């Protein structure tokens, strides 16, 4: 019996891949088993602000990626779901003014959550 269909690796028909170092703990991991972090520009709330391009790729071993919440632990039934994870969507800032008590309430809403 297998816990995962691919054995936790992505080396199909390669046989052997090079090892790299984890960016957090320095552990040697095969390159096909590590988790790479995407660009920070997508996660930025401000649309007009441009971040400088970072050419350093952050790669984490399995234990560091789980500990820092880069990836989440999934149940046995959810592990069968082979769809790619949902990409991060930008937050939109809404201003809600309550006229009854004259206060301003700033709230962050994520698109794609709940009913639309």
N, C-alpha and C. Protein backbone atom coordinates (compact mmCIF):
# COMPACT_ATOMS: atom_id res chain seq x y z
N UNK A 1 0.84 -1.19 0.00
CA UNK A 1 0.00 0.00 0.00
C UNK A 1 0.88 1.25 0.00
N UNK A 2 0.39 2.27 -0.70
CA UNK A 2 1.13 3.53 -0.81
C UNK A 2 0.35 4.63 -0.13
N UNK A 3 1.08 5.52 0.51
CA UNK A 3 0.42 6.70 1.06
C UNK A 3 0.15 7.70 -0.06
N UNK A 4 1.09 7.81 -0.99
CA UNK A 4 0.92 8.71 -2.14
C UNK A 4 1.22 7.96 -3.43
N UNK A 5 0.54 8.35 -4.47
CA UNK A 5 0.69 7.68 -5.75
C UNK A 5 2.09 7.86 -6.33
N UNK A 6 2.69 9.03 -6.10
CA UNK A 6 4.01 9.30 -6.66
C UNK A 6 5.14 9.07 -5.66
N UNK A 7 4.80 8.60 -4.45
CA UNK A 7 5.83 8.37 -3.45
C UNK A 7 6.43 9.66 -2.92
N UNK A 8 5.75 10.76 -3.13
CA UNK A 8 6.25 12.04 -2.63
C UNK A 8 7.31 12.66 -3.51
N UNK A 9 7.50 12.14 -4.72
CA UNK A 9 8.56 12.65 -5.59
C UNK A 9 8.00 12.90 -6.98
N UNK A 10 8.79 13.61 -7.78
CA UNK A 10 8.36 13.99 -9.12
C UNK A 10 9.38 13.55 -10.16
N UNK A 11 10.09 12.48 -9.90
CA UNK A 11 11.21 12.09 -10.75
C UNK A 11 10.83 11.04 -11.79
N UNK A 12 9.63 11.05 -12.28
CA UNK A 12 9.17 9.99 -13.17
C UNK A 12 10.10 9.85 -14.37
N UNK A 13 10.61 8.66 -14.56
CA UNK A 13 11.54 8.26 -15.63
C UNK A 13 12.86 9.02 -15.59
N UNK A 14 13.26 9.55 -14.43
CA UNK A 14 14.56 10.21 -14.32
C UNK A 14 15.57 9.32 -13.61
N UNK A 15 15.15 8.56 -12.63
CA UNK A 15 16.06 7.68 -11.92
C UNK A 15 16.77 8.37 -10.77
N UNK A 16 17.49 9.45 -11.05
CA UNK A 16 18.23 10.15 -10.01
C UNK A 16 18.19 11.64 -10.31
N UNK A 17 18.01 12.43 -9.27
CA UNK A 17 18.02 13.89 -9.42
C UNK A 17 19.03 14.46 -8.43
N UNK A 18 19.44 15.69 -8.67
CA UNK A 18 20.42 16.33 -7.82
C UNK A 18 19.80 16.73 -6.49
N UNK A 19 20.65 16.86 -5.49
CA UNK A 19 20.21 17.29 -4.17
C UNK A 19 20.43 18.80 -4.03
N UNK A 20 19.53 19.42 -3.31
CA UNK A 20 19.69 20.84 -2.99
C UNK A 20 19.55 21.00 -1.48
N UNK A 21 19.88 22.20 -0.99
CA UNK A 21 19.79 22.48 0.44
C UNK A 21 18.50 23.22 0.74
N UNK A 22 17.86 22.87 1.85
CA UNK A 22 16.66 23.57 2.31
C UNK A 22 17.05 24.99 2.71
N UNK A 23 16.20 25.96 2.35
CA UNK A 23 16.49 27.36 2.66
C UNK A 23 16.35 27.66 4.14
N UNK A 24 15.63 26.82 4.87
CA UNK A 24 15.39 27.08 6.28
C UNK A 24 16.37 26.34 7.18
N UNK A 25 16.46 25.03 7.02
CA UNK A 25 17.27 24.24 7.95
C UNK A 25 18.56 23.74 7.35
N UNK A 26 18.71 23.78 6.03
CA UNK A 26 19.94 23.34 5.39
C UNK A 26 20.00 21.85 5.12
N UNK A 27 18.89 21.15 5.26
CA UNK A 27 18.87 19.72 5.02
C UNK A 27 19.03 19.42 3.53
N UNK A 28 19.73 18.34 3.21
CA UNK A 28 19.86 17.90 1.82
C UNK A 28 18.59 17.17 1.40
N UNK A 29 17.95 17.64 0.34
CA UNK A 29 16.73 17.02 -0.16
C UNK A 29 16.86 16.86 -1.67
N UNK A 30 16.26 15.82 -2.23
CA UNK A 30 16.23 15.73 -3.68
C UNK A 30 15.42 16.87 -4.28
N UNK A 31 15.87 17.34 -5.43
CA UNK A 31 15.27 18.54 -6.04
C UNK A 31 13.80 18.34 -6.39
N UNK A 32 13.40 17.12 -6.69
CA UNK A 32 12.01 16.88 -7.06
C UNK A 32 11.09 16.74 -5.86
N UNK A 33 11.65 16.73 -4.65
CA UNK A 33 10.84 16.54 -3.46
C UNK A 33 10.61 17.84 -2.69
N UNK A 34 11.36 18.88 -2.99
CA UNK A 34 11.26 20.13 -2.23
C UNK A 34 10.07 20.96 -2.72
N UNK A 35 9.68 21.95 -1.90
CA UNK A 35 8.58 22.85 -2.23
C UNK A 35 9.16 24.22 -2.50
N UNK A 36 8.86 24.77 -3.67
CA UNK A 36 9.36 26.09 -4.04
C UNK A 36 8.26 27.12 -3.80
N UNK A 37 8.64 28.27 -3.28
CA UNK A 37 7.69 29.33 -2.97
C UNK A 37 7.57 30.25 -4.17
N UNK A 38 6.32 30.61 -4.51
CA UNK A 38 6.07 31.46 -5.66
C UNK A 38 6.44 32.90 -5.39
N UNK A 39 6.25 33.75 -6.39
CA UNK A 39 6.63 35.15 -6.31
C UNK A 39 5.81 35.89 -5.26
N UNK A 40 6.43 36.82 -4.57
CA UNK A 40 5.76 37.58 -3.52
C UNK A 40 4.84 38.64 -4.12
N UNK A 41 5.05 39.00 -5.38
CA UNK A 41 4.27 40.07 -6.02
C UNK A 41 2.78 39.74 -6.04
N UNK A 42 2.43 38.45 -6.18
CA UNK A 42 1.02 38.07 -6.21
C UNK A 42 0.34 38.32 -4.87
N UNK A 43 1.08 38.13 -3.79
CA UNK A 43 0.49 38.24 -2.47
C UNK A 43 0.42 39.68 -1.97
N UNK A 44 0.91 40.62 -2.74
CA UNK A 44 0.93 42.01 -2.30
C UNK A 44 -0.48 42.61 -2.38
N UNK A 45 -0.86 43.35 -1.36
CA UNK A 45 -2.19 43.95 -1.32
C UNK A 45 -2.25 45.19 -2.20
N UNK A 46 -1.18 45.97 -2.20
CA UNK A 46 -1.15 47.21 -2.98
C UNK A 46 -0.91 46.89 -4.45
N UNK A 47 -1.81 47.31 -5.30
CA UNK A 47 -1.67 47.00 -6.72
C UNK A 47 -0.65 47.90 -7.41
N UNK A 48 -0.55 49.14 -6.98
CA UNK A 48 0.34 50.08 -7.65
C UNK A 48 1.80 49.90 -7.28
N UNK A 49 2.07 49.27 -6.15
CA UNK A 49 3.44 49.13 -5.66
C UNK A 49 4.14 47.99 -6.39
N UNK A 50 5.33 48.25 -6.90
CA UNK A 50 6.09 47.22 -7.58
C UNK A 50 7.26 46.80 -6.69
N UNK A 51 7.32 45.53 -6.41
CA UNK A 51 8.41 45.00 -5.62
C UNK A 51 9.61 44.73 -6.51
N UNK A 52 10.82 44.83 -5.98
CA UNK A 52 11.98 44.47 -6.80
C UNK A 52 11.98 42.97 -7.09
N UNK A 53 12.48 42.62 -8.26
CA UNK A 53 12.50 41.22 -8.67
C UNK A 53 13.55 40.48 -7.86
N UNK A 54 13.12 39.41 -7.19
CA UNK A 54 14.03 38.60 -6.41
C UNK A 54 14.34 37.33 -7.18
N UNK A 55 15.62 37.10 -7.43
CA UNK A 55 16.03 35.93 -8.20
C UNK A 55 16.38 34.75 -7.30
N UNK A 56 16.25 34.91 -6.00
CA UNK A 56 16.55 33.83 -5.08
C UNK A 56 15.30 33.00 -4.88
N UNK A 57 15.36 31.73 -5.20
CA UNK A 57 14.22 30.82 -5.04
C UNK A 57 14.26 30.22 -3.65
N UNK A 58 13.15 30.31 -2.93
CA UNK A 58 13.07 29.72 -1.60
C UNK A 58 12.59 28.28 -1.76
N UNK A 59 13.42 27.34 -1.35
CA UNK A 59 13.06 25.93 -1.44
C UNK A 59 13.11 25.33 -0.04
N UNK A 60 12.03 24.61 0.32
CA UNK A 60 11.91 24.05 1.66
C UNK A 60 11.80 22.54 1.59
N UNK A 61 12.37 21.86 2.59
CA UNK A 61 12.15 20.43 2.71
C UNK A 61 10.73 20.20 3.21
N UNK A 62 10.30 18.95 3.26
CA UNK A 62 8.91 18.64 3.60
C UNK A 62 8.58 19.10 5.01
N UNK A 63 9.46 18.83 5.96
CA UNK A 63 9.16 19.17 7.35
C UNK A 63 9.13 20.68 7.56
N UNK A 64 10.01 21.44 6.91
CA UNK A 64 10.00 22.90 7.06
C UNK A 64 8.81 23.52 6.34
N UNK A 65 8.41 22.94 5.22
CA UNK A 65 7.26 23.48 4.49
C UNK A 65 5.97 23.28 5.28
N UNK A 66 5.84 22.16 5.95
CA UNK A 66 4.66 21.92 6.78
C UNK A 66 4.69 22.82 8.00
N UNK A 67 5.87 22.98 8.61
CA UNK A 67 5.98 23.78 9.83
C UNK A 67 5.69 25.26 9.57
N UNK A 68 6.12 25.77 8.40
CA UNK A 68 5.91 27.19 8.08
C UNK A 68 4.64 27.41 7.27
N UNK A 69 3.79 26.41 7.15
CA UNK A 69 2.48 26.49 6.49
C UNK A 69 2.59 26.85 5.00
N UNK A 70 3.67 26.46 4.35
CA UNK A 70 3.76 26.60 2.90
C UNK A 70 2.83 25.59 2.25
N UNK A 71 2.79 24.39 2.78
CA UNK A 71 1.84 23.37 2.36
C UNK A 71 1.08 22.92 3.61
N UNK A 72 -0.09 22.34 3.40
CA UNK A 72 -0.93 21.89 4.51
C UNK A 72 -1.02 20.37 4.50
N UNK A 73 -1.24 19.82 5.67
CA UNK A 73 -1.47 18.39 5.78
C UNK A 73 -2.89 18.11 5.32
N UNK A 74 -3.06 17.08 4.47
CA UNK A 74 -4.38 16.74 3.96
C UNK A 74 -4.79 15.36 4.44
N UNK A 75 -6.08 15.16 4.57
CA UNK A 75 -6.59 13.88 5.02
C UNK A 75 -6.44 12.85 3.90
N UNK A 76 -6.71 11.62 4.24
CA UNK A 76 -6.54 10.53 3.27
C UNK A 76 -7.46 10.70 2.06
N UNK A 77 -8.69 11.15 2.30
CA UNK A 77 -9.60 11.33 1.16
C UNK A 77 -9.21 12.54 0.33
N UNK A 78 -8.71 13.59 0.96
CA UNK A 78 -8.31 14.79 0.20
C UNK A 78 -6.99 14.60 -0.54
N UNK A 79 -6.18 13.60 -0.14
CA UNK A 79 -4.94 13.34 -0.85
C UNK A 79 -5.19 12.80 -2.25
N UNK A 80 -6.39 12.25 -2.48
CA UNK A 80 -6.72 11.74 -3.81
C UNK A 80 -7.05 12.85 -4.79
N UNK A 81 -7.30 14.05 -4.29
CA UNK A 81 -7.60 15.18 -5.14
C UNK A 81 -6.32 15.63 -5.84
N UNK A 82 -6.28 15.51 -7.17
CA UNK A 82 -5.07 15.79 -7.92
C UNK A 82 -5.09 17.15 -8.61
N UNK A 83 -6.11 17.95 -8.31
CA UNK A 83 -6.16 19.29 -8.90
C UNK A 83 -5.09 20.16 -8.27
N UNK A 84 -4.55 21.12 -9.03
CA UNK A 84 -3.54 22.01 -8.44
C UNK A 84 -4.19 22.88 -7.36
N UNK A 85 -3.41 23.30 -6.36
CA UNK A 85 -4.00 24.12 -5.30
C UNK A 85 -4.47 25.46 -5.84
N UNK A 86 -5.46 26.03 -5.19
CA UNK A 86 -6.01 27.30 -5.64
C UNK A 86 -5.00 28.40 -5.38
N UNK A 87 -4.79 29.24 -6.40
CA UNK A 87 -3.80 30.30 -6.27
C UNK A 87 -4.32 31.41 -5.38
N UNK A 88 -3.38 32.14 -4.82
CA UNK A 88 -3.72 33.23 -3.92
C UNK A 88 -4.38 34.35 -4.72
N UNK A 89 -5.47 34.87 -4.19
CA UNK A 89 -6.15 35.98 -4.85
C UNK A 89 -5.95 37.24 -4.03
N UNK A 90 -5.90 38.37 -4.72
CA UNK A 90 -5.65 39.63 -4.03
C UNK A 90 -6.80 39.99 -3.13
N UNK A 91 -6.46 40.68 -2.06
CA UNK A 91 -7.49 41.19 -1.16
C UNK A 91 -7.99 42.52 -1.68
N UNK A 92 -9.27 42.72 -1.55
CA UNK A 92 -9.85 44.02 -1.86
C UNK A 92 -10.29 44.67 -0.57
N UNK A 93 -10.05 45.96 -0.49
CA UNK A 93 -10.34 46.70 0.72
C UNK A 93 -11.66 47.44 0.56
N UNK A 94 -12.57 47.16 1.45
CA UNK A 94 -13.87 47.82 1.42
C UNK A 94 -14.01 48.70 2.65
N UNK A 95 -14.64 49.82 2.46
CA UNK A 95 -14.90 50.74 3.56
C UNK A 95 -16.38 50.68 3.89
N UNK A 96 -16.65 50.29 5.09
CA UNK A 96 -18.04 50.20 5.51
C UNK A 96 -18.29 51.30 6.55
N UNK A 97 -19.20 52.20 6.25
CA UNK A 97 -19.50 53.29 7.16
C UNK A 97 -20.85 53.03 7.80
N UNK A 98 -20.85 53.02 9.09
CA UNK A 98 -22.09 52.81 9.82
C UNK A 98 -22.63 54.17 10.23
N UNK A 99 -23.79 54.51 9.76
CA UNK A 99 -24.35 55.82 10.05
C UNK A 99 -25.02 55.88 11.43
N UNK A 100 -25.24 54.70 12.02
CA UNK A 100 -25.92 54.71 13.31
C UNK A 100 -24.97 55.12 14.43
N UNK A 101 -23.74 54.67 14.38
CA UNK A 101 -22.84 55.04 15.47
C UNK A 101 -21.62 55.81 14.95
N UNK A 102 -21.64 56.26 13.72
CA UNK A 102 -20.63 57.13 13.12
C UNK A 102 -19.21 56.61 13.32
N UNK A 103 -19.01 55.35 12.99
CA UNK A 103 -17.64 54.86 13.05
C UNK A 103 -17.30 54.21 11.72
N UNK A 104 -16.04 54.18 11.42
CA UNK A 104 -15.55 53.60 10.18
C UNK A 104 -14.96 52.23 10.49
N UNK A 105 -15.38 51.24 9.73
CA UNK A 105 -14.93 49.88 9.96
C UNK A 105 -14.21 49.39 8.71
N UNK A 106 -12.91 49.14 8.80
CA UNK A 106 -12.13 48.62 7.67
C UNK A 106 -12.17 47.11 7.73
N UNK A 107 -12.52 46.51 6.63
CA UNK A 107 -12.56 45.05 6.59
C UNK A 107 -11.89 44.56 5.32
N UNK A 108 -11.25 43.39 5.45
CA UNK A 108 -10.64 42.74 4.31
C UNK A 108 -11.52 41.57 3.89
N UNK A 109 -11.79 41.50 2.61
CA UNK A 109 -12.57 40.39 2.09
C UNK A 109 -11.75 39.70 1.01
N UNK A 110 -11.80 38.40 1.00
CA UNK A 110 -11.13 37.62 -0.03
C UNK A 110 -12.17 37.21 -1.06
N UNK A 111 -11.87 37.42 -2.31
CA UNK A 111 -12.77 36.94 -3.35
C UNK A 111 -12.67 35.44 -3.45
N UNK A 112 -13.74 34.82 -3.83
CA UNK A 112 -13.75 33.38 -4.00
C UNK A 112 -14.14 32.62 -2.75
N UNK A 113 -14.34 33.30 -1.63
CA UNK A 113 -14.75 32.62 -0.41
C UNK A 113 -16.22 32.89 -0.17
N UNK A 114 -16.93 31.88 0.21
CA UNK A 114 -18.35 32.03 0.47
C UNK A 114 -19.14 32.06 -0.83
N UNK A 115 -20.32 32.60 -0.76
CA UNK A 115 -21.18 32.66 -1.94
C UNK A 115 -20.98 33.98 -2.65
N UNK A 116 -20.95 33.92 -3.97
CA UNK A 116 -20.76 35.13 -4.76
C UNK A 116 -21.98 35.40 -5.60
